N, C-alpha and C. Protein backbone atom coordinates (compact mmCIF):
# COMPACT_ATOMS: atom_id res chain seq x y z
N MET A 1 5.75 11.20 8.21
CA MET A 1 5.40 11.94 6.89
C MET A 1 4.72 11.02 5.77
N GLY A 2 5.10 9.78 5.66
CA GLY A 2 4.64 8.89 4.63
C GLY A 2 2.94 8.98 4.92
N LEU A 3 2.83 8.25 6.27
CA LEU A 3 1.46 7.99 6.96
C LEU A 3 0.43 9.27 6.72
N ARG A 4 0.85 10.40 6.93
CA ARG A 4 0.33 11.53 6.66
C ARG A 4 -0.07 12.01 5.23
N ASN A 5 0.83 11.83 4.29
CA ASN A 5 0.66 12.04 3.02
C ASN A 5 -0.36 11.04 2.49
N SER A 6 -0.31 9.75 2.84
CA SER A 6 -1.15 8.86 2.46
C SER A 6 -2.61 9.03 2.71
N GLU A 7 -2.86 9.77 4.14
CA GLU A 7 -3.98 9.94 4.79
C GLU A 7 -4.75 11.29 3.89
N ASP A 8 -3.79 12.20 3.66
CA ASP A 8 -4.21 13.12 2.74
C ASP A 8 -4.66 12.66 1.47
N LYS A 9 -3.90 11.91 0.72
CA LYS A 9 -4.53 11.25 -0.45
C LYS A 9 -5.91 10.63 -0.54
N ALA A 10 -5.90 10.00 0.63
CA ALA A 10 -7.33 8.90 0.71
C ALA A 10 -8.53 10.07 1.16
N CYS A 11 -7.99 11.27 1.64
CA CYS A 11 -9.16 12.26 1.95
C CYS A 11 -9.37 12.97 0.56
N THR A 12 -8.49 13.18 -0.12
CA THR A 12 -8.58 13.81 -1.58
C THR A 12 -9.29 12.89 -2.48
N LEU A 13 -9.25 11.45 -2.57
CA LEU A 13 -9.59 10.82 -3.42
C LEU A 13 -10.75 10.37 -2.97
N PHE A 14 -11.37 10.41 -1.75
CA PHE A 14 -12.59 10.10 -1.24
C PHE A 14 -13.78 10.61 -2.35
N PRO A 15 -13.86 11.81 -2.59
CA PRO A 15 -14.93 12.51 -3.35
C PRO A 15 -14.89 12.12 -4.73
N LEU A 16 -13.75 11.78 -5.25
CA LEU A 16 -13.64 11.21 -6.56
C LEU A 16 -14.21 9.76 -6.81
N TYR A 17 -13.82 8.92 -5.49
CA TYR A 17 -14.59 7.35 -5.52
C TYR A 17 -15.98 7.59 -5.31
N LEU A 18 -16.15 8.59 -4.54
CA LEU A 18 -17.83 8.88 -4.44
C LEU A 18 -18.45 9.09 -5.36
N SER A 19 -17.94 10.05 -6.40
CA SER A 19 -18.40 10.68 -7.68
C SER A 19 -18.61 9.32 -8.75
N VAL A 20 -17.55 8.52 -8.91
CA VAL A 20 -17.74 7.46 -9.68
C VAL A 20 -18.91 6.35 -9.25
N PHE A 21 -18.83 6.41 -7.86
CA PHE A 21 -19.81 5.22 -7.52
C PHE A 21 -21.26 5.69 -7.75
N VAL A 22 -21.50 7.01 -7.39
CA VAL A 22 -22.69 7.62 -7.52
C VAL A 22 -23.26 7.46 -9.24
N ALA A 23 -22.16 7.79 -9.97
CA ALA A 23 -22.63 7.62 -11.54
C ALA A 23 -22.79 5.88 -11.72
N VAL A 24 -21.91 5.19 -11.09
CA VAL A 24 -22.27 3.78 -11.69
C VAL A 24 -23.45 3.18 -11.04
N LEU A 25 -23.81 3.69 -9.66
CA LEU A 25 -24.99 3.41 -9.01
C LEU A 25 -26.13 3.84 -9.83
N GLY A 26 -26.22 4.91 -10.21
CA GLY A 26 -27.28 5.48 -11.07
C GLY A 26 -27.56 4.55 -12.33
N PHE A 27 -26.36 4.32 -12.90
CA PHE A 27 -26.56 3.48 -14.09
C PHE A 27 -26.96 2.16 -13.95
N SER A 28 -26.52 1.72 -12.84
CA SER A 28 -26.72 0.11 -12.61
C SER A 28 -28.25 0.07 -12.14
N LEU A 29 -28.83 0.84 -11.63
CA LEU A 29 -30.09 0.77 -10.79
C LEU A 29 -31.18 0.98 -12.12
N VAL A 30 -30.72 1.81 -12.95
CA VAL A 30 -31.59 1.88 -14.24
C VAL A 30 -31.45 0.53 -15.01
N ALA A 31 -30.28 -0.15 -15.33
CA ALA A 31 -30.36 -1.15 -16.44
C ALA A 31 -31.14 -2.30 -16.24
N PRO A 32 -31.25 -2.94 -15.06
CA PRO A 32 -32.09 -3.94 -15.35
C PRO A 32 -33.62 -3.99 -15.79
N ILE A 33 -34.25 -2.54 -14.91
CA ILE A 33 -35.59 -2.48 -15.71
C ILE A 33 -35.72 -1.58 -16.71
N PHE A 34 -34.70 -1.14 -17.25
CA PHE A 34 -34.83 0.10 -18.49
C PHE A 34 -35.59 -0.40 -19.55
N PRO A 35 -35.17 -1.66 -20.00
CA PRO A 35 -35.86 -2.32 -21.14
C PRO A 35 -37.29 -2.57 -20.98
N LEU A 36 -37.63 -3.11 -19.82
CA LEU A 36 -39.13 -3.15 -19.62
C LEU A 36 -39.99 -2.00 -19.69
N CYS A 37 -39.18 -0.95 -19.09
CA CYS A 37 -39.90 0.46 -19.28
C CYS A 37 -40.04 1.09 -20.41
N ALA A 38 -39.10 0.93 -21.31
CA ALA A 38 -38.92 1.18 -22.56
C ALA A 38 -39.88 0.46 -23.61
N ILE A 39 -40.14 -0.82 -23.64
CA ILE A 39 -40.96 -1.63 -24.31
C ILE A 39 -42.35 -1.41 -23.64
N GLY A 40 -42.67 -1.03 -22.44
CA GLY A 40 -43.94 -0.39 -22.06
C GLY A 40 -44.01 0.96 -22.63
N LEU A 41 -43.37 1.77 -22.99
CA LEU A 41 -43.58 2.94 -23.55
C LEU A 41 -43.77 2.82 -24.94
N GLY A 42 -43.74 1.51 -25.68
CA GLY A 42 -43.98 1.23 -27.06
C GLY A 42 -42.56 1.24 -27.93
N ALA A 43 -41.67 0.99 -27.16
CA ALA A 43 -40.29 0.84 -27.91
C ALA A 43 -40.33 -0.78 -28.59
N SER A 44 -39.89 -0.63 -29.92
CA SER A 44 -39.61 -1.99 -30.71
C SER A 44 -38.23 -2.37 -30.01
N TYR A 45 -37.94 -3.66 -30.51
CA TYR A 45 -36.83 -4.22 -30.02
C TYR A 45 -35.53 -3.57 -30.75
N PHE A 46 -35.81 -3.34 -32.00
CA PHE A 46 -34.66 -2.33 -32.55
C PHE A 46 -34.54 -0.95 -31.92
N LEU A 47 -35.57 -0.24 -31.79
CA LEU A 47 -35.51 0.92 -31.20
C LEU A 47 -35.17 0.90 -29.63
N LEU A 48 -35.48 -0.24 -28.96
CA LEU A 48 -34.57 -0.64 -27.78
C LEU A 48 -33.18 -0.44 -27.71
N GLY A 49 -32.48 -1.29 -28.77
CA GLY A 49 -31.45 -1.45 -28.86
C GLY A 49 -30.63 -0.17 -29.10
N PHE A 50 -31.36 0.65 -30.10
CA PHE A 50 -30.78 1.94 -30.25
C PHE A 50 -30.53 3.02 -28.83
N ILE A 51 -31.65 2.98 -28.22
CA ILE A 51 -31.86 3.84 -27.12
C ILE A 51 -30.85 3.26 -26.21
N ILE A 52 -30.78 1.99 -25.85
CA ILE A 52 -29.71 1.71 -24.92
C ILE A 52 -27.96 1.92 -25.73
N SER A 53 -27.96 1.59 -26.62
CA SER A 53 -26.47 1.81 -27.12
C SER A 53 -26.28 3.21 -27.63
N VAL A 54 -27.15 4.32 -27.59
CA VAL A 54 -26.93 5.57 -27.94
C VAL A 54 -25.76 6.18 -26.59
N TYR A 55 -26.37 5.67 -25.55
CA TYR A 55 -25.52 6.17 -24.41
C TYR A 55 -24.04 5.94 -24.34
N GLY A 56 -23.79 5.01 -24.75
CA GLY A 56 -22.08 4.50 -24.92
C GLY A 56 -21.61 4.91 -26.16
N ALA A 57 -22.58 5.13 -27.22
CA ALA A 57 -22.06 5.87 -28.26
C ALA A 57 -21.62 7.13 -28.34
N VAL A 58 -22.38 7.96 -27.54
CA VAL A 58 -22.20 9.30 -27.18
C VAL A 58 -21.09 9.57 -26.04
N GLN A 59 -20.83 8.69 -25.27
CA GLN A 59 -20.19 8.59 -24.39
C GLN A 59 -18.70 8.35 -25.06
N LEU A 60 -18.59 7.55 -26.03
CA LEU A 60 -17.42 7.31 -26.59
C LEU A 60 -17.04 8.52 -27.70
N ILE A 61 -18.18 9.14 -28.03
CA ILE A 61 -17.68 10.10 -28.92
C ILE A 61 -17.16 11.39 -28.18
N THR A 62 -18.03 11.68 -27.12
CA THR A 62 -17.41 12.91 -26.27
C THR A 62 -16.37 12.86 -25.26
N GLN A 63 -15.65 11.63 -24.95
CA GLN A 63 -14.63 11.60 -23.96
C GLN A 63 -13.52 12.42 -24.33
N ILE A 64 -13.06 12.41 -25.62
CA ILE A 64 -11.83 13.15 -26.03
C ILE A 64 -12.07 14.43 -26.01
N PRO A 65 -13.26 15.27 -26.49
CA PRO A 65 -13.36 16.48 -26.60
C PRO A 65 -13.86 17.02 -25.17
N ILE A 66 -14.36 16.51 -24.40
CA ILE A 66 -14.67 16.74 -22.96
C ILE A 66 -13.08 16.62 -22.08
N GLY A 67 -12.25 15.84 -22.43
CA GLY A 67 -10.97 15.72 -21.84
C GLY A 67 -10.08 16.75 -22.00
N ARG A 68 -10.28 17.24 -23.25
CA ARG A 68 -9.39 18.20 -23.91
C ARG A 68 -9.85 19.52 -23.15
N LEU A 69 -11.29 19.69 -23.02
CA LEU A 69 -12.00 20.89 -22.27
C LEU A 69 -11.17 20.81 -20.79
N SER A 70 -11.38 19.59 -20.51
CA SER A 70 -10.99 19.69 -18.92
C SER A 70 -9.44 20.36 -18.76
N ASP A 71 -8.79 19.95 -19.85
CA ASP A 71 -7.58 20.26 -19.69
C ASP A 71 -7.24 21.89 -19.71
N ARG A 72 -8.17 22.41 -20.62
CA ARG A 72 -8.16 23.86 -20.36
C ARG A 72 -8.86 24.62 -19.33
N ARG A 73 -10.05 24.01 -19.05
CA ARG A 73 -10.89 24.90 -17.97
C ARG A 73 -10.81 24.27 -16.79
N GLY A 74 -10.06 23.17 -16.61
CA GLY A 74 -10.15 22.35 -15.14
C GLY A 74 -10.97 21.19 -15.09
N ARG A 75 -11.05 20.19 -14.21
CA ARG A 75 -11.33 19.07 -14.30
C ARG A 75 -12.71 19.08 -13.39
N LYS A 76 -12.53 19.80 -12.12
CA LYS A 76 -13.41 19.88 -11.21
C LYS A 76 -15.01 20.19 -11.87
N PRO A 77 -14.74 21.36 -12.32
CA PRO A 77 -16.17 22.12 -12.82
C PRO A 77 -16.77 21.00 -13.71
N LEU A 78 -15.96 20.29 -14.47
CA LEU A 78 -16.67 19.29 -15.40
C LEU A 78 -17.28 18.20 -14.87
N ILE A 79 -16.34 17.60 -13.64
CA ILE A 79 -16.88 16.73 -12.99
C ILE A 79 -18.50 17.06 -12.26
N ILE A 80 -18.32 18.12 -11.83
CA ILE A 80 -19.72 18.69 -11.10
C ILE A 80 -20.49 18.87 -12.11
N LEU A 81 -20.50 19.17 -13.57
CA LEU A 81 -21.59 19.39 -14.21
C LEU A 81 -21.94 17.89 -14.68
N GLY A 82 -21.05 16.91 -14.86
CA GLY A 82 -21.47 15.67 -15.12
C GLY A 82 -22.29 14.99 -13.77
N LEU A 83 -22.00 15.23 -12.62
CA LEU A 83 -22.91 14.90 -11.63
C LEU A 83 -24.05 15.62 -11.44
N LEU A 84 -24.04 16.63 -11.85
CA LEU A 84 -25.24 17.49 -12.11
C LEU A 84 -26.32 16.83 -13.18
N ALA A 85 -25.70 16.67 -14.31
CA ALA A 85 -26.52 15.83 -15.29
C ALA A 85 -26.98 14.53 -15.06
N PHE A 86 -26.47 13.80 -14.20
CA PHE A 86 -26.99 12.50 -13.85
C PHE A 86 -28.21 12.98 -12.73
N THR A 87 -27.90 13.76 -11.72
CA THR A 87 -28.99 14.36 -10.88
C THR A 87 -30.43 14.99 -11.49
N VAL A 88 -30.16 15.81 -12.72
CA VAL A 88 -31.03 16.17 -13.39
C VAL A 88 -31.86 15.16 -14.35
N LEU A 89 -31.03 14.58 -15.16
CA LEU A 89 -31.51 13.42 -16.00
C LEU A 89 -32.34 12.10 -15.36
N SER A 90 -31.80 11.72 -14.21
CA SER A 90 -32.47 10.58 -13.63
C SER A 90 -33.87 10.86 -13.69
N PRO A 91 -34.54 11.95 -12.93
CA PRO A 91 -36.08 12.17 -12.75
C PRO A 91 -36.77 12.02 -13.94
N LEU A 92 -36.12 12.60 -15.23
CA LEU A 92 -36.80 12.82 -16.33
C LEU A 92 -37.12 11.45 -17.05
N TYR A 93 -36.70 10.53 -16.80
CA TYR A 93 -37.08 8.91 -17.06
C TYR A 93 -38.64 8.98 -16.80
N ILE A 94 -38.91 9.29 -15.84
CA ILE A 94 -40.47 9.27 -15.23
C ILE A 94 -41.23 9.90 -16.09
N TYR A 95 -40.87 10.83 -16.58
CA TYR A 95 -41.81 11.76 -17.26
C TYR A 95 -41.91 11.54 -18.80
N ALA A 96 -41.34 10.64 -19.48
CA ALA A 96 -41.16 10.20 -20.67
C ALA A 96 -42.53 9.54 -21.04
N THR A 97 -43.17 10.29 -22.09
CA THR A 97 -44.76 9.50 -22.32
C THR A 97 -44.43 8.42 -23.66
N ASN A 98 -43.38 8.46 -24.21
CA ASN A 98 -42.88 7.57 -25.01
C ASN A 98 -41.66 7.28 -25.24
N ALA A 99 -41.26 6.10 -26.02
CA ALA A 99 -40.12 5.82 -26.03
C ALA A 99 -39.05 6.66 -26.92
N TYR A 100 -39.55 7.33 -27.80
CA TYR A 100 -38.56 8.72 -28.40
C TYR A 100 -37.96 9.28 -27.44
N LEU A 101 -38.65 9.94 -26.31
CA LEU A 101 -38.22 10.67 -25.57
C LEU A 101 -37.17 10.16 -24.68
N LEU A 102 -37.01 8.96 -24.67
CA LEU A 102 -35.88 8.32 -23.81
C LEU A 102 -34.45 8.76 -24.73
N ILE A 103 -34.68 8.84 -25.98
CA ILE A 103 -33.33 9.27 -26.71
C ILE A 103 -32.68 10.32 -26.30
N PRO A 104 -33.02 11.45 -26.17
CA PRO A 104 -32.57 12.84 -25.69
C PRO A 104 -32.15 12.59 -24.48
N ILE A 105 -32.77 11.92 -23.48
CA ILE A 105 -32.21 11.96 -22.15
C ILE A 105 -30.90 10.77 -22.06
N ARG A 106 -31.15 9.91 -22.95
CA ARG A 106 -29.94 8.92 -22.85
C ARG A 106 -28.61 9.81 -23.63
N ILE A 107 -28.97 10.40 -24.49
CA ILE A 107 -27.87 11.04 -25.10
C ILE A 107 -27.13 12.11 -24.25
N LEU A 108 -27.98 12.88 -23.25
CA LEU A 108 -27.53 13.69 -22.29
C LEU A 108 -26.65 13.20 -21.43
N GLY A 109 -27.17 11.93 -21.12
CA GLY A 109 -26.86 11.02 -20.14
C GLY A 109 -25.44 10.62 -20.43
N GLY A 110 -24.90 10.39 -21.71
CA GLY A 110 -23.86 9.95 -22.13
C GLY A 110 -22.83 10.91 -22.14
N ILE A 111 -23.24 12.33 -22.36
CA ILE A 111 -22.35 13.26 -22.17
C ILE A 111 -21.99 13.58 -20.91
N GLY A 112 -22.98 13.48 -19.88
CA GLY A 112 -22.75 13.57 -18.38
C GLY A 112 -21.78 12.42 -17.86
N ALA A 113 -21.74 11.22 -18.26
CA ALA A 113 -20.95 10.30 -18.20
C ALA A 113 -19.64 10.46 -18.66
N SER A 114 -19.38 11.14 -19.50
CA SER A 114 -18.06 11.58 -20.18
C SER A 114 -17.35 12.54 -19.18
N GLY A 115 -17.99 13.43 -18.56
CA GLY A 115 -17.63 14.08 -17.45
C GLY A 115 -17.21 13.74 -16.21
N VAL A 116 -17.85 12.36 -15.95
CA VAL A 116 -17.70 12.03 -14.74
C VAL A 116 -16.17 10.69 -14.82
N TRP A 117 -16.60 9.60 -15.35
CA TRP A 117 -15.73 8.55 -15.51
C TRP A 117 -14.39 8.67 -15.80
N PRO A 118 -14.11 9.20 -16.95
CA PRO A 118 -12.92 9.39 -17.59
C PRO A 118 -12.00 10.60 -16.64
N LEU A 119 -12.75 11.70 -16.33
CA LEU A 119 -11.94 12.79 -15.64
C LEU A 119 -11.72 12.46 -14.09
N ALA A 120 -12.49 11.96 -13.64
CA ALA A 120 -12.30 11.15 -12.13
C ALA A 120 -10.85 10.18 -12.24
N MET A 121 -11.30 9.22 -13.28
CA MET A 121 -9.97 8.43 -13.06
C MET A 121 -8.61 9.35 -13.34
N VAL A 122 -8.55 10.37 -14.19
CA VAL A 122 -7.37 11.08 -14.57
C VAL A 122 -7.12 11.87 -13.37
N MET A 123 -8.13 12.55 -12.39
CA MET A 123 -7.59 12.97 -11.24
C MET A 123 -7.03 12.27 -10.16
N ILE A 124 -7.60 10.91 -10.14
CA ILE A 124 -6.93 9.83 -9.20
C ILE A 124 -5.69 9.29 -9.62
N ILE A 125 -5.49 9.54 -10.97
CA ILE A 125 -3.81 9.29 -11.47
C ILE A 125 -3.11 10.34 -11.05
N ASP A 126 -3.53 11.67 -11.17
CA ASP A 126 -2.79 12.87 -10.68
C ASP A 126 -2.45 12.71 -9.41
N LYS A 127 -3.54 12.24 -8.38
CA LYS A 127 -3.32 12.14 -6.88
C LYS A 127 -2.15 11.19 -6.55
N VAL A 128 -2.15 10.10 -7.01
CA VAL A 128 -1.57 8.88 -6.42
C VAL A 128 -0.33 8.89 -7.51
N GLY A 129 -0.05 9.49 -8.37
CA GLY A 129 1.34 9.62 -8.99
C GLY A 129 1.17 8.50 -10.22
N SER A 130 1.94 8.74 -11.22
CA SER A 130 2.17 8.26 -12.42
C SER A 130 2.50 6.74 -12.11
N GLU A 131 3.41 6.64 -11.31
CA GLU A 131 4.21 5.32 -10.99
C GLU A 131 3.13 4.16 -10.34
N VAL A 132 2.37 4.82 -9.39
CA VAL A 132 1.56 3.67 -8.86
C VAL A 132 0.31 3.33 -9.98
N ALA A 133 0.05 4.48 -10.65
CA ALA A 133 -0.87 4.11 -11.87
C ALA A 133 -0.49 3.12 -12.67
N GLU A 134 0.77 3.29 -13.18
CA GLU A 134 1.17 2.21 -14.28
C GLU A 134 1.31 1.12 -13.68
N LEU A 135 1.85 0.59 -12.39
CA LEU A 135 1.66 -0.70 -11.64
C LEU A 135 0.40 -0.92 -12.04
N ARG A 136 -0.75 -0.32 -11.35
CA ARG A 136 -2.05 -0.68 -11.07
C ARG A 136 -2.42 -1.21 -12.49
N TRP A 137 -2.51 -0.55 -13.61
CA TRP A 137 -2.64 -0.73 -15.09
C TRP A 137 -2.06 -1.92 -15.61
N ALA A 138 -0.91 -2.16 -15.27
CA ALA A 138 0.06 -3.23 -15.70
C ALA A 138 -0.48 -4.45 -15.29
N GLY A 139 -1.16 -4.71 -14.61
CA GLY A 139 -1.73 -5.92 -13.99
C GLY A 139 -3.28 -6.27 -14.82
N THR A 140 -3.67 -5.03 -15.45
CA THR A 140 -5.23 -5.27 -15.88
C THR A 140 -5.45 -5.22 -17.45
N THR A 141 -4.04 -4.62 -18.20
CA THR A 141 -4.37 -4.59 -19.62
C THR A 141 -3.54 -5.32 -20.59
N PRO A 142 -3.82 -5.66 -21.36
CA PRO A 142 -2.90 -6.61 -22.15
C PRO A 142 -1.61 -5.92 -22.77
N PRO A 143 -0.41 -6.93 -22.85
CA PRO A 143 0.77 -6.02 -23.42
C PRO A 143 0.46 -5.27 -25.06
N SER A 144 1.21 -4.24 -25.02
CA SER A 144 1.25 -3.69 -26.36
C SER A 144 2.17 -4.25 -27.11
N ILE A 145 3.07 -5.10 -26.81
CA ILE A 145 4.03 -5.68 -27.82
C ILE A 145 3.78 -7.01 -27.72
N PRO A 146 3.60 -7.41 -29.17
CA PRO A 146 3.42 -8.81 -29.38
C PRO A 146 4.52 -9.72 -28.93
N PRO A 147 3.96 -10.85 -28.29
CA PRO A 147 4.48 -12.11 -27.54
C PRO A 147 5.79 -12.36 -28.31
N TRP A 148 5.60 -12.59 -29.71
CA TRP A 148 6.91 -13.05 -30.40
C TRP A 148 7.82 -12.24 -30.36
N GLN A 149 7.82 -10.79 -29.64
CA GLN A 149 8.72 -9.81 -29.67
C GLN A 149 9.24 -9.89 -28.26
N TRP A 150 8.99 -10.46 -27.37
CA TRP A 150 9.46 -10.50 -26.17
C TRP A 150 10.66 -11.13 -25.88
N VAL A 151 10.83 -12.31 -26.45
CA VAL A 151 12.07 -13.00 -26.49
C VAL A 151 12.85 -12.62 -27.71
N ARG A 152 14.02 -12.32 -27.19
CA ARG A 152 15.01 -11.98 -28.36
C ARG A 152 16.51 -12.48 -27.85
């Protein structure tokens, strides 16, 4: 029973891993050449910094509302919408005629990323169980208790 249960979890988790991989791959393929393309479209260094950072800023702002929405509406539809955003937005970079048109594309991309990465992590934790997730996170996150309070 244990092996079958782990095989079921692996089959269930594969689409989630694939979703995160596709999202990261799309971002990783664009990142190295994006500054050159933006400068080629007339972006100053200040505008380039803004265009690049707006993606993360929007993702930071929209993660909590999208997480709450996923609790009410379900995670799968929002992950699908996030992946659809990546699919639709990626070709739009080609059609940008100036650097200012990159800003709305990056804003929508940040919203799409908020619908993929955090929700996929939560779904993975739901599937593997909180005990396993706590053990995995324990090795990667700093302790929340200051070191001087450990020894008593």
